[in-house]
Amino acid sequence: MAIKLVVNCATGAVEEVELTAQELAQRDQDAAAYAAQKAIDDAAKVEAEAQKVSGKAKLKALGLTDDEIGALL
């Protein structure tokens, strides 16, 4: 049983209400969308880090020191 809290701000009354089938479906849809977006974001972070490492390797190959590379990045 999934519930939501309904709060009446004027009176301070708090009521527990069971979620409807539509609300449950929306919750599941939102969770799936979040998981998909998180996977995309995580992949983008990995790709960005790989490019950064690749860029550092190219600068190293040109003969730059770690301090010089740090100053550039």
Protein backbone atom coordinates (compact mmCIF):
# COMPACT_ATOMS: atom_id res chain seq x y z
CA MET A 1 0.00 0.00 0.00
CA ALA A 2 1.49 3.29 -1.12
CA ILE A 3 0.30 6.42 0.59
CA LYS A 4 0.73 10.16 0.30
CA LEU A 5 0.39 12.78 2.97
CA VAL A 6 -2.11 15.55 2.41
CA VAL A 7 -1.45 18.55 4.65
CA ASN A 8 -3.96 21.33 5.19
CA CYS A 9 -1.72 24.31 5.88
CA ALA A 10 -4.56 26.40 7.25
CA THR A 11 -5.52 23.91 9.95
CA GLY A 12 -2.34 21.85 10.24
CA ALA A 13 -4.34 18.65 9.69
CA VAL A 14 -2.39 15.78 8.14
CA GLU A 15 -4.19 12.99 6.32
CA GLU A 16 -2.76 9.78 4.86
CA VAL A 17 -4.35 8.96 1.50
CA GLU A 18 -3.72 5.86 -0.61
CA LEU A 19 -2.28 6.55 -4.06
CA THR A 20 -4.56 5.99 -7.03
CA ALA A 21 -3.67 3.61 -9.87
CA GLN A 22 -2.88 6.64 -12.03
CA GLU A 23 -0.53 8.08 -9.39
CA LEU A 24 1.21 4.72 -9.01
CA ALA A 25 1.67 4.46 -12.78
CA GLN A 26 3.06 8.01 -12.91
CA ARG A 27 5.45 7.23 -10.04
CA ASP A 28 6.75 4.17 -11.90
CA GLN A 29 7.07 6.15 -15.13
CA ASP A 30 8.96 8.94 -13.34
CA ALA A 31 11.30 6.42 -11.70
CA ALA A 32 12.08 4.82 -15.07
CA ALA A 33 12.69 8.23 -16.67
CA TYR A 34 14.99 9.21 -13.81
CA ALA A 35 16.97 5.97 -14.13
CA ALA A 36 17.36 6.46 -17.89
CA GLN A 37 18.49 10.08 -17.48
CA LYS A 38 20.91 9.11 -14.71
CA ALA A 39 22.47 6.48 -16.98
CA ILE A 40 22.89 9.10 -19.73
CA ASP A 41 24.42 11.60 -17.28
CA ASP A 42 26.78 8.97 -15.86
CA ALA A 43 27.91 7.97 -19.36
CA ALA A 44 28.52 11.63 -20.23
CA LYS A 45 30.66 12.06 -17.10
CA VAL A 46 32.72 9.01 -17.99
CA GLU A 47 33.18 10.29 -21.55
CA ALA A 48 34.21 13.75 -20.32
CA GLU A 49 36.75 12.23 -17.95
CA ALA A 50 38.13 10.03 -20.75
CA GLN A 51 38.53 13.07 -22.98
CA LYS A 52 40.27 14.97 -20.18
CA VAL A 53 42.70 12.09 -19.62
CA SER A 54 43.27 11.81 -23.37
CA GLY A 55 43.95 15.54 -23.58
CA LYS A 56 46.43 15.34 -20.72
CA ALA A 57 48.20 12.45 -22.45
CA LYS A 58 48.50 14.48 -25.65
CA LEU A 59 49.96 17.43 -23.74
CA LYS A 60 52.39 15.07 -21.96
CA ALA A 61 53.45 13.74 -25.37
CA LEU A 62 54.25 17.31 -26.40
CA GLY A 63 56.64 17.51 -23.46
CA LEU A 64 54.62 19.58 -21.00
CA THR A 65 55.08 18.99 -17.28
CA ASP A 66 52.24 18.20 -14.88
CA ASP A 67 52.42 21.75 -13.51
CA GLU A 68 52.16 23.24 -16.98
CA ILE A 69 49.24 20.98 -17.86
CA GLY A 70 47.52 21.93 -14.61
CA ALA A 71 47.93 25.61 -15.45
CA LEU A 72 46.35 25.07 -18.87
CA LEU A 73 43.40 23.08 -17.58
